[in-house]
Amino acid sequence: AEAVLALAQLCQLRDRYNGGWKPDWEDVNEKYIIYFHADKIISGDTYRAQSVLHFKTQELRDEFLENFEDLIKIAKPLL
């Protein structure tokens, strides 16, 4: 239940950070994402691989990770 609440908060915060921007996963423009790999939080970029935590700029992604790393760790089972 804790992970569900954390994910809901993260999605609301992500939308605020992105200012209404929504990724078009069909286009080839770069998107900036946060995801887990081998139990580590990764800040990366992608063109088409979808991620819940997606951002329109690298700077927004990095700021989001810095500000909400603890909440991201709580939501890990759902990411």
Foldseek 3Di string as FASTA:
>chain_A
DLLVVLLVVLLVVLCVLQVNDDDDLPAQDKKWAWADDPNDIDTGIDRRDDDSRIHPDSVSSVVSCVVCVVSCNSNRVVD
